Amino acid sequence: MIRIFKKAHAHLLLSMLFTGLLFLTSCTESADRFFGIAVLNTNSLREFGMPVFAKRLDDETKEFPNVPSSKKKGDEAQKRIANSILYIEKSLKEIKELSESGDKKEIKQLSLELYELVLPVYKNEYMAYAKLCDTKAPQEQKDLIIKAIDEKYNDAFEKKYALLLEKGKAFAIANNLNVKWD
């Protein structure tokens, strides 16, 4: 009797495990959610390598005479970069959790490559730039970092970003997503 119970229990356990695995493999996010995480969130990176991004970082440190509310603590640009790094890391984690079925696989890979390209640049070059901004370093020093970012990373970034958007547009059309492109 105990033997029959153990066999029945083992069959029930295997059946539940199989059902659970089947459920997990059949559960993928909606096309809309996938698109939002893998493609739409990359909008936060669109200013990567652009002079306007560097100017905004530098502007974080500006103080104005006779405007007490403009007084700075001296770490504003670094905090902005630190927040960007946190967002990029969060986005990377979310992308890694996406499914890879069909046309999603290539888009997921492109999105991962894009975020993995920019993350070390934010941690190193942009953080160094932010420190220079916060310490009011000479513009020539800051320009060297921005020029290096442009020369080392911009071409690869632009190519990956353009390809991701191209694949993202096709995905949006194929899945009838209501997306407006500029």
N, C-alpha and C. Protein backbone atom coordinates (compact mmCIF):
# COMPACT_ATOMS: atom_id res chain seq x y z
N MET A 1 0.82 -1.19 0.00
CA MET A 1 0.00 0.00 0.00
C MET A 1 0.87 1.26 0.00
N ILE A 2 1.90 1.26 0.81
CA ILE A 2 2.79 2.43 0.88
C ILE A 2 3.50 2.62 -0.46
N ARG A 3 3.86 1.49 -1.09
CA ARG A 3 4.52 1.55 -2.37
C ARG A 3 3.63 2.19 -3.44
N ILE A 4 2.38 1.83 -3.46
CA ILE A 4 1.41 2.39 -4.40
C ILE A 4 1.25 3.88 -4.14
N PHE A 5 1.20 4.26 -2.88
CA PHE A 5 1.06 5.67 -2.50
C PHE A 5 2.28 6.46 -2.97
N LYS A 6 3.47 5.90 -2.78
CA LYS A 6 4.70 6.60 -3.20
C LYS A 6 4.72 6.78 -4.72
N LYS A 7 4.31 5.71 -5.46
CA LYS A 7 4.27 5.80 -6.92
C LYS A 7 3.25 6.85 -7.36
N ALA A 8 2.09 6.82 -6.76
CA ALA A 8 1.05 7.79 -7.10
C ALA A 8 1.52 9.20 -6.77
N HIS A 9 2.18 9.35 -5.64
CA HIS A 9 2.70 10.65 -5.22
C HIS A 9 3.78 11.13 -6.20
N ALA A 10 4.64 10.19 -6.63
CA ALA A 10 5.70 10.54 -7.58
C ALA A 10 5.08 10.94 -8.92
N HIS A 11 4.06 10.22 -9.37
CA HIS A 11 3.40 10.57 -10.63
C HIS A 11 2.71 11.93 -10.53
N LEU A 12 2.09 12.17 -9.40
CA LEU A 12 1.42 13.46 -9.19
C LEU A 12 2.45 14.58 -9.20
N LEU A 13 3.57 14.38 -8.54
CA LEU A 13 4.63 15.39 -8.48
C LEU A 13 5.19 15.65 -9.88
N LEU A 14 5.46 14.58 -10.63
CA LEU A 14 5.96 14.74 -12.00
C LEU A 14 4.94 15.43 -12.88
N SER A 15 3.69 15.09 -12.72
CA SER A 15 2.63 15.71 -13.49
C SER A 15 2.54 17.21 -13.19
N MET A 16 2.64 17.56 -11.91
CA MET A 16 2.60 18.98 -11.52
C MET A 16 3.82 19.72 -12.06
N LEU A 17 4.98 19.09 -12.00
CA LEU A 17 6.20 19.70 -12.51
C LEU A 17 6.09 19.93 -14.01
N PHE A 18 5.63 18.93 -14.74
CA PHE A 18 5.46 19.04 -16.17
C PHE A 18 4.47 20.16 -16.52
N THR A 19 3.35 20.19 -15.81
CA THR A 19 2.35 21.23 -16.04
C THR A 19 2.93 22.62 -15.76
N GLY A 20 3.70 22.73 -14.69
CA GLY A 20 4.33 24.01 -14.35
C GLY A 20 5.30 24.46 -15.42
N LEU A 21 6.12 23.54 -15.92
CA LEU A 21 7.07 23.87 -16.99
C LEU A 21 6.35 24.26 -18.27
N LEU A 22 5.30 23.54 -18.58
CA LEU A 22 4.50 23.86 -19.76
C LEU A 22 3.91 25.26 -19.62
N PHE A 23 3.42 25.58 -18.45
CA PHE A 23 2.85 26.90 -18.18
C PHE A 23 3.91 27.98 -18.35
N LEU A 24 5.09 27.76 -17.78
CA LEU A 24 6.15 28.77 -17.86
C LEU A 24 6.62 28.98 -19.29
N THR A 25 6.74 27.92 -20.06
CA THR A 25 7.20 28.08 -21.44
C THR A 25 6.15 28.72 -22.32
N SER A 26 4.89 28.55 -21.98
CA SER A 26 3.84 29.16 -22.79
C SER A 26 3.55 30.60 -22.38
N CYS A 27 4.06 31.00 -21.24
CA CYS A 27 3.84 32.36 -20.76
C CYS A 27 4.94 33.29 -21.26
N THR A 28 4.64 34.06 -22.25
CA THR A 28 5.57 35.08 -22.69
C THR A 28 4.85 36.40 -22.59
N GLU A 29 5.62 37.43 -22.51
CA GLU A 29 5.01 38.75 -22.39
C GLU A 29 4.30 39.12 -23.70
N SER A 30 3.42 40.07 -23.60
CA SER A 30 2.71 40.53 -24.79
C SER A 30 3.69 41.25 -25.72
N ALA A 31 3.30 41.38 -26.97
CA ALA A 31 4.13 42.09 -27.95
C ALA A 31 4.33 43.54 -27.51
N ASP A 32 3.28 44.13 -26.95
CA ASP A 32 3.35 45.51 -26.49
C ASP A 32 4.37 45.67 -25.36
N ARG A 33 4.31 44.77 -24.39
CA ARG A 33 5.26 44.83 -23.27
C ARG A 33 6.69 44.58 -23.76
N PHE A 34 6.87 43.58 -24.62
CA PHE A 34 8.18 43.30 -25.16
C PHE A 34 8.74 44.53 -25.87
N PHE A 35 7.93 45.13 -26.72
CA PHE A 35 8.35 46.32 -27.47
C PHE A 35 8.73 47.46 -26.53
N GLY A 36 7.93 47.66 -25.52
CA GLY A 36 8.20 48.74 -24.56
C GLY A 36 9.54 48.57 -23.87
N ILE A 37 9.85 47.35 -23.46
CA ILE A 37 11.09 47.10 -22.73
C ILE A 37 12.30 47.06 -23.66
N ALA A 38 12.18 46.35 -24.77
CA ALA A 38 13.34 46.13 -25.65
C ALA A 38 13.63 47.28 -26.60
N VAL A 39 12.59 48.01 -27.01
CA VAL A 39 12.79 49.06 -28.01
C VAL A 39 12.50 50.45 -27.45
N LEU A 40 11.32 50.64 -26.92
CA LEU A 40 10.90 51.97 -26.49
C LEU A 40 11.79 52.54 -25.37
N ASN A 41 12.20 51.71 -24.44
CA ASN A 41 13.04 52.20 -23.34
C ASN A 41 14.39 52.73 -23.81
N THR A 42 14.82 52.36 -25.00
CA THR A 42 16.11 52.84 -25.49
C THR A 42 16.07 54.33 -25.81
N ASN A 43 14.88 54.93 -25.81
CA ASN A 43 14.80 56.38 -25.98
C ASN A 43 15.62 57.12 -24.93
N SER A 44 15.77 56.51 -23.77
CA SER A 44 16.56 57.14 -22.71
C SER A 44 18.03 57.25 -23.09
N LEU A 45 18.45 56.52 -24.11
CA LEU A 45 19.85 56.53 -24.54
C LEU A 45 20.09 57.38 -25.78
N ARG A 46 19.06 57.94 -26.36
CA ARG A 46 19.20 58.58 -27.67
C ARG A 46 20.18 59.75 -27.69
N GLU A 47 20.48 60.35 -26.54
CA GLU A 47 21.44 61.47 -26.51
C GLU A 47 22.86 61.00 -26.23
N PHE A 48 23.06 59.69 -26.15
CA PHE A 48 24.39 59.14 -25.89
C PHE A 48 25.39 59.69 -26.91
N GLY A 49 26.49 60.20 -26.40
CA GLY A 49 27.55 60.70 -27.27
C GLY A 49 27.29 62.05 -27.90
N MET A 50 26.14 62.61 -27.66
CA MET A 50 25.80 63.90 -28.27
C MET A 50 26.27 65.05 -27.38
N PRO A 51 26.71 66.13 -28.00
CA PRO A 51 27.15 67.29 -27.22
C PRO A 51 26.05 67.84 -26.29
N VAL A 52 24.79 67.69 -26.68
CA VAL A 52 23.70 68.20 -25.85
C VAL A 52 23.65 67.48 -24.50
N PHE A 53 23.99 66.20 -24.48
CA PHE A 53 24.01 65.46 -23.21
C PHE A 53 25.12 66.00 -22.31
N ALA A 54 26.29 66.22 -22.88
CA ALA A 54 27.41 66.78 -22.11
C ALA A 54 27.06 68.17 -21.58
N LYS A 55 26.41 68.97 -22.39
CA LYS A 55 26.02 70.31 -21.95
C LYS A 55 25.03 70.24 -20.80
N ARG A 56 24.08 69.33 -20.88
CA ARG A 56 23.11 69.18 -19.79
C ARG A 56 23.78 68.77 -18.49
N LEU A 57 24.76 67.90 -18.60
CA LEU A 57 25.51 67.51 -17.39
C LEU A 57 26.23 68.71 -16.80
N ASP A 58 26.86 69.46 -17.68
CA ASP A 58 27.58 70.66 -17.22
C ASP A 58 26.61 71.67 -16.62
N ASP A 59 25.43 71.79 -17.21
CA ASP A 59 24.43 72.73 -16.69
C ASP A 59 23.94 72.35 -15.30
N GLU A 60 24.03 71.06 -14.95
CA GLU A 60 23.62 70.61 -13.61
C GLU A 60 24.44 71.31 -12.52
N THR A 61 25.61 71.80 -12.88
CA THR A 61 26.53 72.37 -11.88
C THR A 61 26.51 73.89 -11.85
N LYS A 62 25.73 74.51 -12.69
CA LYS A 62 25.71 75.99 -12.78
C LYS A 62 25.01 76.62 -11.58
N GLU A 63 25.64 77.65 -11.08
CA GLU A 63 25.05 78.47 -10.03
C GLU A 63 24.87 79.88 -10.57
N PHE A 64 23.88 80.57 -10.04
CA PHE A 64 23.61 81.93 -10.50
C PHE A 64 23.70 82.89 -9.32
N PRO A 65 24.44 83.99 -9.50
CA PRO A 65 24.56 84.97 -8.42
C PRO A 65 23.17 85.51 -8.04
N ASN A 66 23.00 85.77 -6.79
CA ASN A 66 21.75 86.32 -6.26
C ASN A 66 20.54 85.39 -6.41
N VAL A 67 20.79 84.10 -6.67
CA VAL A 67 19.71 83.11 -6.73
C VAL A 67 20.09 82.00 -5.76
N PRO A 68 19.68 82.17 -4.50
CA PRO A 68 20.08 81.18 -3.49
C PRO A 68 19.67 79.75 -3.83
N SER A 69 18.57 79.57 -4.51
CA SER A 69 18.11 78.22 -4.82
C SER A 69 19.00 77.52 -5.85
N SER A 70 19.89 78.28 -6.50
CA SER A 70 20.77 77.67 -7.49
C SER A 70 22.09 77.18 -6.87
N LYS A 71 22.24 77.35 -5.57
CA LYS A 71 23.45 76.89 -4.87
C LYS A 71 23.56 75.37 -4.99
N LYS A 72 24.75 74.91 -5.35
CA LYS A 72 24.97 73.49 -5.60
C LYS A 72 25.80 72.86 -4.48
N LYS A 73 25.65 71.54 -4.36
CA LYS A 73 26.39 70.78 -3.35
C LYS A 73 27.74 70.31 -3.89
N GLY A 74 27.86 70.23 -5.21
CA GLY A 74 29.12 69.80 -5.81
C GLY A 74 29.13 68.37 -6.32
N ASP A 75 27.96 67.74 -6.36
CA ASP A 75 27.91 66.36 -6.87
C ASP A 75 26.71 66.14 -7.80
N GLU A 76 26.16 67.19 -8.30
CA GLU A 76 24.94 67.10 -9.10
C GLU A 76 25.12 66.30 -10.39
N ALA A 77 26.18 66.56 -11.13
CA ALA A 77 26.41 65.85 -12.39
C ALA A 77 26.69 64.37 -12.11
N GLN A 78 27.45 64.09 -11.06
CA GLN A 78 27.74 62.70 -10.71
C GLN A 78 26.47 61.95 -10.31
N LYS A 79 25.59 62.62 -9.59
CA LYS A 79 24.31 61.99 -9.21
C LYS A 79 23.48 61.68 -10.45
N ARG A 80 23.50 62.59 -11.40
CA ARG A 80 22.74 62.37 -12.64
C ARG A 80 23.27 61.13 -13.38
N ILE A 81 24.58 60.99 -13.44
CA ILE A 81 25.18 59.83 -14.09
C ILE A 81 24.88 58.57 -13.28
N ALA A 82 24.99 58.66 -11.97
CA ALA A 82 24.69 57.50 -11.12
C ALA A 82 23.25 57.03 -11.33
N ASN A 83 22.32 57.97 -11.45
CA ASN A 83 20.92 57.60 -11.71
C ASN A 83 20.75 56.97 -13.09
N SER A 84 21.48 57.49 -14.07
CA SER A 84 21.44 56.90 -15.41
C SER A 84 21.97 55.48 -15.38
N ILE A 85 23.04 55.25 -14.64
CA ILE A 85 23.62 53.90 -14.52
C ILE A 85 22.60 52.95 -13.90
N LEU A 86 21.93 53.40 -12.85
CA LEU A 86 20.91 52.56 -12.21
C LEU A 86 19.80 52.21 -13.19
N TYR A 87 19.37 53.18 -13.98
CA TYR A 87 18.32 52.94 -14.96
C TYR A 87 18.78 51.95 -16.03
N ILE A 88 20.00 52.11 -16.51
CA ILE A 88 20.54 51.21 -17.53
C ILE A 88 20.64 49.79 -16.98
N GLU A 89 21.11 49.64 -15.76
CA GLU A 89 21.22 48.32 -15.14
C GLU A 89 19.84 47.68 -14.96
N LYS A 90 18.87 48.48 -14.56
CA LYS A 90 17.49 47.98 -14.41
C LYS A 90 16.95 47.54 -15.77
N SER A 91 17.18 48.33 -16.77
CA SER A 91 16.72 48.00 -18.12
C SER A 91 17.38 46.73 -18.63
N LEU A 92 18.66 46.59 -18.39
CA LEU A 92 19.38 45.37 -18.81
C LEU A 92 18.77 44.13 -18.16
N LYS A 93 18.47 44.23 -16.89
CA LYS A 93 17.87 43.11 -16.16
C LYS A 93 16.51 42.75 -16.78
N GLU A 94 15.71 43.76 -17.07
CA GLU A 94 14.39 43.51 -17.66
C GLU A 94 14.50 42.90 -19.05
N ILE A 95 15.47 43.36 -19.84
CA ILE A 95 15.65 42.82 -21.19
C ILE A 95 16.07 41.36 -21.11
N LYS A 96 16.98 41.04 -20.20
CA LYS A 96 17.45 39.66 -20.06
C LYS A 96 16.31 38.71 -19.71
N GLU A 97 15.28 39.21 -19.05
CA GLU A 97 14.14 38.38 -18.65
C GLU A 97 13.11 38.20 -19.75
N LEU A 98 13.25 38.91 -20.87
CA LEU A 98 12.29 38.81 -21.96
C LEU A 98 12.42 37.46 -22.68
N SER A 99 11.34 37.05 -23.30
CA SER A 99 11.36 35.81 -24.08
C SER A 99 12.12 36.05 -25.38
N GLU A 100 12.47 34.95 -26.03
CA GLU A 100 13.27 35.04 -27.25
C GLU A 100 12.64 34.30 -28.41
N SER A 101 11.36 34.18 -28.43
CA SER A 101 10.72 33.42 -29.49
C SER A 101 10.60 34.25 -30.77
N GLY A 102 10.76 33.59 -31.89
CA GLY A 102 10.54 34.22 -33.19
C GLY A 102 11.36 35.47 -33.42
N ASP A 103 10.66 36.53 -33.87
CA ASP A 103 11.33 37.78 -34.19
C ASP A 103 11.79 38.55 -32.96
N LYS A 104 11.42 38.08 -31.79
CA LYS A 104 11.84 38.74 -30.54
C LYS A 104 13.33 38.52 -30.26
N LYS A 105 13.85 37.39 -30.71
CA LYS A 105 15.23 37.02 -30.38
C LYS A 105 16.23 38.08 -30.86
N GLU A 106 16.14 38.47 -32.12
CA GLU A 106 17.08 39.44 -32.68
C GLU A 106 16.92 40.81 -32.02
N ILE A 107 15.70 41.22 -31.78
CA ILE A 107 15.46 42.51 -31.14
C ILE A 107 16.01 42.50 -29.72
N LYS A 108 15.77 41.44 -29.00
CA LYS A 108 16.30 41.32 -27.64
C LYS A 108 17.82 41.41 -27.66
N GLN A 109 18.46 40.70 -28.57
CA GLN A 109 19.92 40.71 -28.65
C GLN A 109 20.45 42.10 -28.98
N LEU A 110 19.82 42.78 -29.93
CA LEU A 110 20.25 44.14 -30.29
C LEU A 110 20.10 45.10 -29.11
N SER A 111 19.01 44.97 -28.40
CA SER A 111 18.77 45.83 -27.24
C SER A 111 19.82 45.57 -26.16
N LEU A 112 20.10 44.31 -25.90
CA LEU A 112 21.14 43.96 -24.92
C LEU A 112 22.49 44.55 -25.34
N GLU A 113 22.84 44.38 -26.61
CA GLU A 113 24.12 44.91 -27.10
C GLU A 113 24.21 46.42 -26.93
N LEU A 114 23.11 47.10 -27.18
CA LEU A 114 23.09 48.56 -27.06
C LEU A 114 23.34 48.98 -25.61
N TYR A 115 22.60 48.39 -24.69
CA TYR A 115 22.77 48.73 -23.28
C TYR A 115 24.14 48.31 -22.75
N GLU A 116 24.63 47.16 -23.21
CA GLU A 116 25.95 46.71 -22.76
C GLU A 116 27.07 47.56 -23.34
N LEU A 117 26.83 48.21 -24.45
CA LEU A 117 27.79 49.14 -25.02
C LEU A 117 27.88 50.41 -24.18
N VAL A 118 26.74 50.95 -23.80
CA VAL A 118 26.75 52.25 -23.13
C VAL A 118 27.04 52.17 -21.63
N LEU A 119 26.70 51.06 -20.98
CA LEU A 119 26.87 50.98 -19.52
C LEU A 119 28.30 51.27 -19.07
N PRO A 120 29.32 50.63 -19.63
CA PRO A 120 30.68 50.95 -19.17
C PRO A 120 31.10 52.39 -19.48
N VAL A 121 30.55 52.95 -20.54
CA VAL A 121 30.88 54.35 -20.87
C VAL A 121 30.29 55.29 -19.81
N TYR A 122 29.08 55.00 -19.37
CA TYR A 122 28.49 55.80 -18.30
C TYR A 122 29.30 55.65 -17.01
N LYS A 123 29.70 54.42 -16.71
CA LYS A 123 30.43 54.16 -15.47
C LYS A 123 31.82 54.79 -15.48
N ASN A 124 32.43 54.87 -16.64
CA ASN A 124 33.81 55.36 -16.72
C ASN A 124 33.90 56.78 -17.29
N GLU A 125 33.73 56.91 -18.60
CA GLU A 125 33.93 58.21 -19.24
C GLU A 125 32.94 59.27 -18.77
N TYR A 126 31.65 58.93 -18.77
CA TYR A 126 30.68 59.95 -18.36
C TYR A 126 30.80 60.29 -16.87
N MET A 127 31.14 59.31 -16.05
CA MET A 127 31.34 59.61 -14.63
C MET A 127 32.56 60.51 -14.45
N ALA A 128 33.63 60.26 -15.20
CA ALA A 128 34.82 61.13 -15.14
C ALA A 128 34.46 62.53 -15.61
N TYR A 129 33.67 62.62 -16.66
CA TYR A 129 33.21 63.92 -17.15
C TYR A 129 32.38 64.64 -16.09
N ALA A 130 31.49 63.90 -15.46
CA ALA A 130 30.63 64.49 -14.42
C ALA A 130 31.47 65.02 -13.25
N LYS A 131 32.49 64.29 -12.87
CA LYS A 131 33.38 64.76 -11.78
C LYS A 131 34.07 66.06 -12.18
N LEU A 132 34.50 66.13 -13.43
CA LEU A 132 35.11 67.37 -13.91
C LEU A 132 34.11 68.52 -13.89
N CYS A 133 32.87 68.23 -14.27
CA CYS A 133 31.82 69.27 -14.23
C CYS A 133 31.60 69.73 -12.80
N ASP A 134 31.47 68.78 -11.88
CA ASP A 134 31.20 69.12 -10.48
C ASP A 134 32.34 69.90 -9.83
N THR A 135 33.56 69.67 -10.28
CA THR A 135 34.72 70.37 -9.70
C THR A 135 35.08 71.62 -10.49
N LYS A 136 34.25 71.96 -11.46
CA LYS A 136 34.45 73.16 -12.29
C LYS A 136 35.81 73.14 -13.01
N ALA A 137 36.16 71.99 -13.53
CA ALA A 137 37.41 71.82 -14.27
C ALA A 137 37.35 72.63 -15.57
N PRO A 138 38.50 72.92 -16.14
CA PRO A 138 38.53 73.67 -17.41
C PRO A 138 37.80 72.92 -18.52
N GLN A 139 37.15 73.66 -19.37
CA GLN A 139 36.37 73.09 -20.46
C GLN A 139 37.23 72.20 -21.37
N GLU A 140 38.49 72.55 -21.55
CA GLU A 140 39.38 71.77 -22.41
C GLU A 140 39.49 70.32 -21.91
N GLN A 141 39.58 70.14 -20.59
CA GLN A 141 39.65 68.79 -20.01
C GLN A 141 38.37 68.01 -20.29
N LYS A 142 37.27 68.69 -20.11
CA LYS A 142 35.98 68.03 -20.34
C LYS A 142 35.80 67.67 -21.82
N ASP A 143 36.23 68.57 -22.69
CA ASP A 143 36.10 68.33 -24.12
C ASP A 143 36.88 67.10 -24.58
N LEU A 144 38.01 66.84 -23.95
CA LEU A 144 38.81 65.66 -24.30
C LEU A 144 38.02 64.37 -24.07
N ILE A 145 37.29 64.32 -22.97
CA ILE A 145 36.49 63.13 -22.65
C ILE A 145 35.35 62.97 -23.65
N ILE A 146 34.67 64.06 -23.95
CA ILE A 146 33.55 63.99 -24.89
C ILE A 146 34.04 63.60 -26.28
N LYS A 147 35.18 64.12 -26.68
CA LYS A 147 35.75 63.77 -27.98
C LYS A 147 36.11 62.28 -28.01
N ALA A 148 36.67 61.77 -26.93
CA ALA A 148 37.03 60.35 -26.85
C ALA A 148 35.80 59.47 -26.94
N ILE A 149 34.71 59.86 -26.27
CA ILE A 149 33.46 59.10 -26.34
C ILE A 149 32.96 59.06 -27.78
N ASP A 150 32.99 60.21 -28.42
CA ASP A 150 32.53 60.30 -29.80
C ASP A 150 33.36 59.39 -30.70
N GLU A 151 34.67 59.47 -30.59
CA GLU A 151 35.55 58.71 -31.47
C GLU A 151 35.50 57.20 -31.21
N LYS A 152 35.37 56.81 -29.96
CA LYS A 152 35.43 55.38 -29.61
C LYS A 152 34.10 54.65 -29.74
N TYR A 153 33.00 55.34 -29.47
CA TYR A 153 31.73 54.62 -29.29
C TYR A 153 30.58 55.06 -30.20
N ASN A 154 30.63 56.28 -30.71
CA ASN A 154 29.45 56.80 -31.41
C ASN A 154 29.05 56.02 -32.65
N ASP A 155 30.01 55.61 -33.46
CA ASP A 155 29.65 54.86 -34.68
C ASP A 155 28.95 53.56 -34.33
N ALA A 156 29.52 52.81 -33.40
CA ALA A 156 28.92 51.53 -33.00
C ALA A 156 27.53 51.77 -32.40
N PHE A 157 27.41 52.80 -31.58
CA PHE A 157 26.12 53.11 -30.96
C PHE A 157 25.08 53.44 -32.03
N GLU A 158 25.44 54.32 -32.94
CA GLU A 158 24.49 54.75 -33.98
C GLU A 158 24.03 53.58 -34.84
N LYS A 159 24.96 52.70 -35.21
CA LYS A 159 24.60 51.54 -36.03
C LYS A 159 23.66 50.61 -35.29
N LYS A 160 23.99 50.30 -34.04
CA LYS A 160 23.14 49.39 -33.25
C LYS A 160 21.77 50.01 -33.01
N TYR A 161 21.76 51.30 -32.68
CA TYR A 161 20.50 51.98 -32.39
C TYR A 161 19.61 52.02 -33.63
N ALA A 162 20.20 52.36 -34.78
CA ALA A 162 19.42 52.42 -36.03
C ALA A 162 18.87 51.03 -36.40
N LEU A 163 19.68 50.00 -36.25
CA LEU A 163 19.22 48.65 -36.57
C LEU A 163 18.12 48.20 -35.61
N LEU A 164 18.28 48.51 -34.33
CA LEU A 164 17.24 48.17 -33.36
C LEU A 164 15.93 48.87 -33.71
N LEU A 165 15.99 50.14 -34.05
CA LEU A 165 14.77 50.86 -34.42
C LEU A 165 14.14 50.30 -35.69
N GLU A 166 14.97 49.92 -36.65
CA GLU A 166 14.47 49.32 -37.88
C GLU A 166 13.72 48.01 -37.58
N LYS A 167 14.33 47.17 -36.78
CA LYS A 167 13.71 45.89 -36.40
C LYS A 167 12.49 46.14 -35.52
N GLY A 168 12.58 47.15 -34.66
CA GLY A 168 11.46 47.50 -33.79
C GLY A 168 10.25 47.98 -34.57
N LYS A 169 10.49 48.77 -35.61
CA LYS A 169 9.39 49.25 -36.46
C LYS A 169 8.70 48.07 -37.14
N ALA A 170 9.49 47.17 -37.68
CA ALA A 170 8.92 46.00 -38.35
C ALA A 170 8.12 45.16 -37.35
N PHE A 171 8.63 45.02 -36.14
CA PHE A 171 7.94 44.27 -35.09
C PHE A 171 6.62 44.95 -34.73
N ALA A 172 6.66 46.26 -34.60
CA ALA A 172 5.44 47.01 -34.25
C ALA A 172 4.37 46.85 -35.33
N ILE A 173 4.78 46.91 -36.59
CA ILE A 173 3.84 46.75 -37.70
C ILE A 173 3.27 45.33 -37.70
N ALA A 174 4.16 44.34 -37.56
CA ALA A 174 3.73 42.94 -37.59
C ALA A 174 2.78 42.59 -36.45
N ASN A 175 2.90 43.31 -35.34
CA ASN A 175 2.07 43.02 -34.17
C ASN A 175 0.98 44.06 -33.94
N ASN A 176 0.74 44.89 -34.95
CA ASN A 176 -0.31 45.92 -34.89
C ASN A 176 -0.20 46.80 -33.65
N LEU A 177 1.01 47.21 -33.31
CA LEU A 177 1.19 48.09 -32.17
C LEU A 177 1.00 49.53 -32.61
N ASN A 178 0.33 50.31 -31.80
CA ASN A 178 0.08 51.71 -32.12
C ASN A 178 1.28 52.53 -31.69
N VAL A 179 2.21 52.70 -32.61
CA VAL A 179 3.45 53.41 -32.33
C VAL A 179 3.60 54.54 -33.34
N LYS A 180 3.90 55.72 -32.87
CA LYS A 180 4.14 56.88 -33.73
C LYS A 180 5.65 57.11 -33.79
N TRP A 181 6.19 57.16 -34.99
CA TRP A 181 7.63 57.39 -35.19
C TRP A 181 7.83 58.81 -35.67
N ASP A 182 8.82 59.47 -35.12
CA ASP A 182 9.14 60.84 -35.56
C ASP A 182 9.83 60.86 -36.89
